[in-house]
Amino acid sequence: MMDKINYNRIKAVLAEKNVSSKELAKYLDKTESTVSRWCTNDVQPSVEVFHQIAQFLDIDIRELFVSTKN
């Protein structure tokens, strides 16, 4: 069985910024369940939503992604 690949760092950045997934869901007008699925990398938000998340957290959008380089 293949390990699940993490594409985004939404959960980690929320923790670093001390922001709850509930707050993010409210800001984006999404359900908490949707944000939870992003945080567990079950599904990925659209590029537009990544942009909104970065604006909300006041970070560079690149911080939301797992690097493809080591």
PDB file of N, CA and C in Angstrom:
ATOM      1  N   MET A   1       0.839  -1.189   0.000  1.00  0.00           N
ATOM      2  CA  MET A   1       0.000   0.000   0.000  1.00  0.00           C
ATOM      3  C   MET A   1       0.881   1.249   0.000  1.00  0.00           C
ATOM      4  N   MET A   2       0.552   2.184  -0.870  1.00  0.00           N
ATOM      5  CA  MET A   2       1.354   3.409  -0.960  1.00  0.00           C
ATOM      6  C   MET A   2       1.001   4.371   0.170  1.00  0.00           C
ATOM      7  N   ASP A   3       2.014   5.052   0.661  1.00  0.00           N
ATOM      8  CA  ASP A   3       1.762   6.087   1.658  1.00  0.00           C
ATOM      9  C   ASP A   3       1.061   7.256   0.992  1.00  0.00           C
ATOM     10  N   LYS A   4       0.171   7.880   1.745  1.00  0.00           N
ATOM     11  CA  LYS A   4      -0.531   9.039   1.202  1.00  0.00           C
ATOM     12  C   LYS A   4       0.457  10.205   1.104  1.00  0.00           C
ATOM     13  N   ILE A   5       0.429  10.870  -0.042  1.00  0.00           N
ATOM     14  CA  ILE A   5       1.331  11.998  -0.261  1.00  0.00           C
ATOM     15  C   ILE A   5       0.696  13.270   0.273  1.00  0.00           C
ATOM     16  N   ASN A   6       1.473  14.033   1.012  1.00  0.00           N
ATOM     17  CA  ASN A   6       1.014  15.339   1.464  1.00  0.00           C
ATOM     18  C   ASN A   6       1.415  16.373   0.429  1.00  0.00           C
ATOM     19  N   TYR A   7       0.422  17.057  -0.097  1.00  0.00           N
ATOM     20  CA  TYR A   7       0.672  18.084  -1.102  1.00  0.00           C
ATOM     21  C   TYR A   7       0.655  19.481  -0.480  1.00  0.00           C
ATOM     22  N   ASN A   8      -0.198  19.638   0.537  1.00  0.00           N
ATOM     23  CA  ASN A   8      -0.301  20.956   1.145  1.00  0.00           C
ATOM     24  C   ASN A   8       0.090  20.934   2.619  1.00  0.00           C
ATOM     25  N   ARG A   9       0.366  22.126   3.135  1.00  0.00           N
ATOM     26  CA  ARG A   9       0.768  22.305   4.530  1.00  0.00           C
ATOM     27  C   ARG A   9      -0.274  23.132   5.284  1.00  0.00           C
ATOM     28  N   ILE A  10      -1.515  23.094   4.842  1.00  0.00           N
ATOM     29  CA  ILE A  10      -2.537  23.937   5.456  1.00  0.00           C
ATOM     30  C   ILE A  10      -2.623  23.689   6.961  1.00  0.00           C
ATOM     31  N   LYS A  11      -2.685  22.428   7.344  1.00  0.00           N
ATOM     32  CA  LYS A  11      -2.808  22.091   8.771  1.00  0.00           C
ATOM     33  C   LYS A  11      -1.617  22.645   9.569  1.00  0.00           C
ATOM     34  N   ALA A  12      -0.415  22.468   9.060  1.00  0.00           N
ATOM     35  CA  ALA A  12       0.790  22.936   9.746  1.00  0.00           C
ATOM     36  C   ALA A  12       0.818  24.458   9.859  1.00  0.00           C
ATOM     37  N   VAL A  13       0.442  25.143   8.774  1.00  0.00           N
ATOM     38  CA  VAL A  13       0.478  26.608   8.790  1.00  0.00           C
ATOM     39  C   VAL A  13      -0.593  27.161   9.730  1.00  0.00           C
ATOM     40  N   LEU A  14      -1.756  26.533   9.759  1.00  0.00           N
ATOM     41  CA  LEU A  14      -2.788  26.957  10.713  1.00  0.00           C
ATOM     42  C   LEU A  14      -2.248  26.858  12.140  1.00  0.00           C
ATOM     43  N   ALA A  15      -1.561  25.748  12.432  1.00  0.00           N
ATOM     44  CA  ALA A  15      -0.985  25.562  13.771  1.00  0.00           C
ATOM     45  C   ALA A  15       0.084  26.617  14.056  1.00  0.00           C
ATOM     46  N   GLU A  16       0.955  26.874  13.067  1.00  0.00           N
ATOM     47  CA  GLU A  16       2.015  27.882  13.239  1.00  0.00           C
ATOM     48  C   GLU A  16       1.425  29.257  13.509  1.00  0.00           C
ATOM     49  N   LYS A  17       0.307  29.567  12.867  1.00  0.00           N
ATOM     50  CA  LYS A  17      -0.337  30.881  12.989  1.00  0.00           C
ATOM     51  C   LYS A  17      -1.351  30.921  14.134  1.00  0.00           C
ATOM     52  N   ASN A  18      -1.529  29.780  14.813  1.00  0.00           N
ATOM     53  CA  ASN A  18      -2.483  29.681  15.917  1.00  0.00           C
ATOM     54  C   ASN A  18      -3.900  30.067  15.472  1.00  0.00           C
ATOM     55  N   VAL A  19      -4.281  29.559  14.300  1.00  0.00           N
ATOM     56  CA  VAL A  19      -5.602  29.798  13.729  1.00  0.00           C
ATOM     57  C   VAL A  19      -6.306  28.454  13.623  1.00  0.00           C
ATOM     58  N   SER A  20      -7.574  28.408  13.974  1.00  0.00           N
ATOM     59  CA  SER A  20      -8.306  27.141  13.903  1.00  0.00           C
ATOM     60  C   SER A  20      -8.858  26.910  12.498  1.00  0.00           C
ATOM     61  N   SER A  21      -9.070  25.649  12.188  1.00  0.00           N
ATOM     62  CA  SER A  21      -9.672  25.322  10.896  1.00  0.00           C
ATOM     63  C   SER A  21     -11.097  25.883  10.838  1.00  0.00           C
ATOM     64  N   LYS A  22     -11.741  25.996  11.998  1.00  0.00           N
ATOM     65  CA  LYS A  22     -13.087  26.569  12.064  1.00  0.00           C
ATOM     66  C   LYS A  22     -13.062  28.040  11.627  1.00  0.00           C
ATOM     67  N   GLU A  23     -12.064  28.789  12.080  1.00  0.00           N
ATOM     68  CA  GLU A  23     -11.931  30.195  11.676  1.00  0.00           C
ATOM     69  C   GLU A  23     -11.708  30.309  10.166  1.00  0.00           C
ATOM     70  N   LEU A  24     -10.856  29.421   9.633  1.00  0.00           N
ATOM     71  CA  LEU A  24     -10.588  29.438   8.192  1.00  0.00           C
ATOM     72  C   LEU A  24     -11.857  29.105   7.412  1.00  0.00           C
ATOM     73  N   ALA A  25     -12.591  28.107   7.874  1.00  0.00           N
ATOM     74  CA  ALA A  25     -13.839  27.716   7.211  1.00  0.00           C
ATOM     75  C   ALA A  25     -14.823  28.884   7.177  1.00  0.00           C
ATOM     76  N   LYS A  26     -14.933  29.578   8.290  1.00  0.00           N
ATOM     77  CA  LYS A  26     -15.856  30.718   8.362  1.00  0.00           C
ATOM     78  C   LYS A  26     -15.424  31.819   7.386  1.00  0.00           C
ATOM     79  N   TYR A  27     -14.129  32.119   7.358  1.00  0.00           N
ATOM     80  CA  TYR A  27     -13.606  33.157   6.465  1.00  0.00           C
ATOM     81  C   TYR A  27     -13.890  32.821   4.999  1.00  0.00           C
ATOM     82  N   LEU A  28     -13.716  31.555   4.649  1.00  0.00           N
ATOM     83  CA  LEU A  28     -13.882  31.129   3.258  1.00  0.00           C
ATOM     84  C   LEU A  28     -15.327  30.781   2.908  1.00  0.00           C
ATOM     85  N   ASP A  29     -16.200  30.803   3.913  1.00  0.00           N
ATOM     86  CA  ASP A  29     -17.586  30.384   3.731  1.00  0.00           C
ATOM     87  C   ASP A  29     -17.654  28.945   3.216  1.00  0.00           C
ATOM     88  N   LYS A  30     -16.850  28.086   3.852  1.00  0.00           N
ATOM     89  CA  LYS A  30     -16.824  26.650   3.539  1.00  0.00           C
ATOM     90  C   LYS A  30     -17.213  25.891   4.797  1.00  0.00           C
ATOM     91  N   THR A  31     -17.548  24.629   4.654  1.00  0.00           N
ATOM     92  CA  THR A  31     -17.871  23.829   5.840  1.00  0.00           C
ATOM     93  C   THR A  31     -16.571  23.422   6.547  1.00  0.00           C
ATOM     94  N   GLU A  32     -16.691  23.157   7.841  1.00  0.00           N
ATOM     95  CA  GLU A  32     -15.523  22.682   8.591  1.00  0.00           C
ATOM     96  C   GLU A  32     -15.051  21.344   8.040  1.00  0.00           C
ATOM     97  N   SER A  33     -15.989  20.552   7.559  1.00  0.00           N
ATOM     98  CA  SER A  33     -15.655  19.251   6.980  1.00  0.00           C
ATOM     99  C   SER A  33     -14.772  19.411   5.734  1.00  0.00           C
ATOM    100  N   THR A  34     -15.081  20.399   4.908  1.00  0.00           N
ATOM    101  CA  THR A  34     -14.271  20.661   3.709  1.00  0.00           C
ATOM    102  C   THR A  34     -12.849  21.041   4.099  1.00  0.00           C
ATOM    103  N   VAL A  35     -12.715  21.960   5.035  1.00  0.00           N
ATOM    104  CA  VAL A  35     -11.387  22.402   5.478  1.00  0.00           C
ATOM    105  C   VAL A  35     -10.630  21.233   6.107  1.00  0.00           C
ATOM    106  N   SER A  36     -11.330  20.408   6.854  1.00  0.00           N
ATOM    107  CA  SER A  36     -10.704  19.231   7.462  1.00  0.00           C
ATOM    108  C   SER A  36     -10.129  18.301   6.393  1.00  0.00           C
ATOM    109  N   ARG A  37     -10.856  18.118   5.296  1.00  0.00           N
ATOM    110  CA  ARG A  37     -10.374  17.244   4.217  1.00  0.00           C
ATOM    111  C   ARG A  37      -9.148  17.835   3.537  1.00  0.00           C
ATOM    112  N   TRP A  38      -9.064  19.171   3.470  1.00  0.00           N
ATOM    113  CA  TRP A  38      -7.855  19.813   2.942  1.00  0.00           C
ATOM    114  C   TRP A  38      -6.691  19.566   3.897  1.00  0.00           C
ATOM    115  N   CYS A  39      -6.962  19.712   5.195  1.00  0.00           N
ATOM    116  CA  CYS A  39      -5.903  19.571   6.206  1.00  0.00           C
ATOM    117  C   CYS A  39      -5.327  18.161   6.251  1.00  0.00           C
ATOM    118  N   THR A  40      -6.138  17.176   5.905  1.00  0.00           N
ATOM    119  CA  THR A  40      -5.659  15.791   5.904  1.00  0.00           C
ATOM    120  C   THR A  40      -5.191  15.354   4.514  1.00  0.00           C
ATOM    121  N   ASN A  41      -5.192  16.298   3.555  1.00  0.00           N
ATOM    122  CA  ASN A  41      -4.755  16.027   2.189  1.00  0.00           C
ATOM    123  C   ASN A  41      -5.605  14.969   1.490  1.00  0.00           C
ATOM    124  N   ASP A  42      -6.856  14.814   1.930  1.00  0.00           N
ATOM    125  CA  ASP A  42      -7.778  13.915   1.228  1.00  0.00           C
ATOM    126  C   ASP A  42      -8.183  14.530  -0.102  1.00  0.00           C
ATOM    127  N   VAL A  43      -8.402  15.836  -0.093  1.00  0.00           N
ATOM    128  CA  VAL A  43      -8.708  16.586  -1.309  1.00  0.00           C
ATOM    129  C   VAL A  43      -7.919  17.893  -1.255  1.00  0.00           C
ATOM    130  N   GLN A  44      -7.787  18.545  -2.398  1.00  0.00           N
ATOM    131  CA  GLN A  44      -7.044  19.797  -2.466  1.00  0.00           C
ATOM    132  C   GLN A  44      -7.981  20.926  -2.880  1.00  0.00           C
ATOM    133  N   PRO A  45      -7.817  22.087  -2.271  1.00  0.00           N
ATOM    134  CA  PRO A  45      -8.610  23.231  -2.718  1.00  0.00           C
ATOM    135  C   PRO A  45      -8.121  23.721  -4.077  1.00  0.00           C
ATOM    136  N   SER A  46      -8.920  24.548  -4.713  1.00  0.00           N
ATOM    137  CA  SER A  46      -8.518  25.132  -5.986  1.00  0.00           C
ATOM    138  C   SER A  46      -7.393  26.139  -5.765  1.00  0.00           C
ATOM    139  N   VAL A  47      -6.737  26.497  -6.838  1.00  0.00           N
ATOM    140  CA  VAL A  47      -5.673  27.508  -6.768  1.00  0.00           C
ATOM    141  C   VAL A  47      -6.237  28.808  -6.195  1.00  0.00           C
ATOM    142  N   GLU A  48      -7.444  29.158  -6.613  1.00  0.00           N
ATOM    143  CA  GLU A  48      -8.070  30.390  -6.110  1.00  0.00           C
ATOM    144  C   GLU A  48      -8.250  30.337  -4.602  1.00  0.00           C
ATOM    145  N   VAL A  49      -8.661  29.178  -4.095  1.00  0.00           N
ATOM    146  CA  VAL A  49      -8.861  29.041  -2.648  1.00  0.00           C
ATOM    147  C   VAL A  49      -7.521  29.057  -1.923  1.00  0.00           C
ATOM    148  N   PHE A  50      -6.497  28.425  -2.488  1.00  0.00           N
ATOM    149  CA  PHE A  50      -5.160  28.524  -1.888  1.00  0.00           C
ATOM    150  C   PHE A  50      -4.762  29.993  -1.757  1.00  0.00           C
ATOM    151  N   HIS A  51      -5.057  30.785  -2.780  1.00  0.00           N
ATOM    152  CA  HIS A  51      -4.736  32.215  -2.766  1.00  0.00           C
ATOM    153  C   HIS A  51      -5.478  32.915  -1.624  1.00  0.00           C
ATOM    154  N   GLN A  52      -6.757  32.595  -1.445  1.00  0.00           N
ATOM    155  CA  GLN A  52      -7.548  33.196  -0.363  1.00  0.00           C
ATOM    156  C   GLN A  52      -7.009  32.789   1.009  1.00  0.00           C
ATOM    157  N   ILE A  53      -6.603  31.528   1.130  1.00  0.00           N
ATOM    158  CA  ILE A  53      -6.047  31.044   2.400  1.00  0.00           C
ATOM    159  C   ILE A  53      -4.761  31.812   2.727  1.00  0.00           C
ATOM    160  N   ALA A  54      -3.909  31.977   1.719  1.00  0.00           N
ATOM    161  CA  ALA A  54      -2.651  32.704   1.922  1.00  0.00           C
ATOM    162  C   ALA A  54      -2.924  34.144   2.345  1.00  0.00           C
ATOM    163  N   GLN A  55      -3.909  34.774   1.726  1.00  0.00           N
ATOM    164  CA  GLN A  55      -4.256  36.152   2.106  1.00  0.00           C
ATOM    165  C   GLN A  55      -4.750  36.193   3.543  1.00  0.00           C
ATOM    166  N   PHE A  56      -5.632  35.268   3.901  1.00  0.00           N
ATOM    167  CA  PHE A  56      -6.188  35.217   5.255  1.00  0.00           C
ATOM    168  C   PHE A  56      -5.091  35.040   6.299  1.00  0.00           C
ATOM    169  N   LEU A  57      -4.118  34.181   5.994  1.00  0.00           N
ATOM    170  CA  LEU A  57      -3.046  33.889   6.955  1.00  0.00           C
ATOM    171  C   LEU A  57      -1.869  34.867   6.834  1.00  0.00           C
ATOM    172  N   ASP A  58      -1.943  35.778   5.872  1.00  0.00           N
ATOM    173  CA  ASP A  58      -0.890  36.774   5.635  1.00  0.00           C
ATOM    174  C   ASP A  58       0.468  36.104   5.410  1.00  0.00           C
ATOM    175  N   ILE A  59       0.475  35.165   4.462  1.00  0.00           N
ATOM    176  CA  ILE A  59       1.703  34.438   4.121  1.00  0.00           C
ATOM    177  C   ILE A  59       1.841  34.377   2.605  1.00  0.00           C
ATOM    178  N   ASP A  60       3.036  34.009   2.155  1.00  0.00           N
ATOM    179  CA  ASP A  60       3.266  33.722   0.740  1.00  0.00           C
ATOM    180  C   ASP A  60       2.575  32.395   0.429  1.00  0.00           C
ATOM    181  N   ILE A  61       1.879  32.331  -0.685  1.00  0.00           N
ATOM    182  CA  ILE A  61       1.128  31.122  -1.052  1.00  0.00           C
ATOM    183  C   ILE A  61       2.022  29.881  -1.074  1.00  0.00           C
ATOM    184  N   ARG A  62       3.308  30.066  -1.385  1.00  0.00           N
ATOM    185  CA  ARG A  62       4.229  28.918  -1.465  1.00  0.00           C
ATOM    186  C   ARG A  62       4.384  28.205  -0.123  1.00  0.00           C
ATOM    187  N   GLU A  63       4.126  28.922   0.977  1.00  0.00           N
ATOM    188  CA  GLU A  63       4.231  28.300   2.300  1.00  0.00           C
ATOM    189  C   GLU A  63       3.155  27.243   2.523  1.00  0.00           C
ATOM    190  N   LEU A  64       2.123  27.250   1.690  1.00  0.00           N
ATOM    191  CA  LEU A  64       1.029  26.295   1.848  1.00  0.00           C
ATOM    192  C   LEU A  64       1.310  24.972   1.149  1.00  0.00           C
ATOM    193  N   PHE A  65       2.393  24.891   0.413  1.00  0.00           N
ATOM    194  CA  PHE A  65       2.696  23.680  -0.345  1.00  0.00           C
ATOM    195  C   PHE A  65       3.915  22.957   0.201  1.00  0.00           C
ATOM    196  N   VAL A  66       3.907  21.643   0.051  1.00  0.00           N
ATOM    197  CA  VAL A  66       5.065  20.837   0.390  1.00  0.00           C
ATOM    198  C   VAL A  66       6.056  20.974  -0.759  1.00  0.00           C
ATOM    199  N   SER A  67       7.299  21.274  -0.449  1.00  0.00           N
ATOM    200  CA  SER A  67       8.322  21.454  -1.478  1.00  0.00           C
ATOM    201  C   SER A  67       8.534  20.167  -2.273  1.00  0.00           C
ATOM    202  N   THR A  68       8.784  20.335  -3.567  1.00  0.00           N
ATOM    203  CA  THR A  68       9.093  19.179  -4.397  1.00  0.00           C
ATOM    204  C   THR A  68      10.601  18.952  -4.494  1.00  0.00           C
ATOM    205  N   LYS A  69      11.367  19.830  -3.866  1.00  0.00           N
ATOM    206  CA  LYS A  69      12.833  19.709  -3.847  1.00  0.00           C
ATOM    207  C   LYS A  69      13.294  19.420  -2.421  1.00  0.00           C
ATOM    208  N   ASN A  70      14.332  18.641  -2.294  1.00  0.00           N
ATOM    209  CA  ASN A  70      14.886  18.350  -0.958  1.00  0.00           C
ATOM    210  C   ASN A  70      16.020  19.270  -0.612  1.00  0.00           C
TER     211      ASN A  70
END
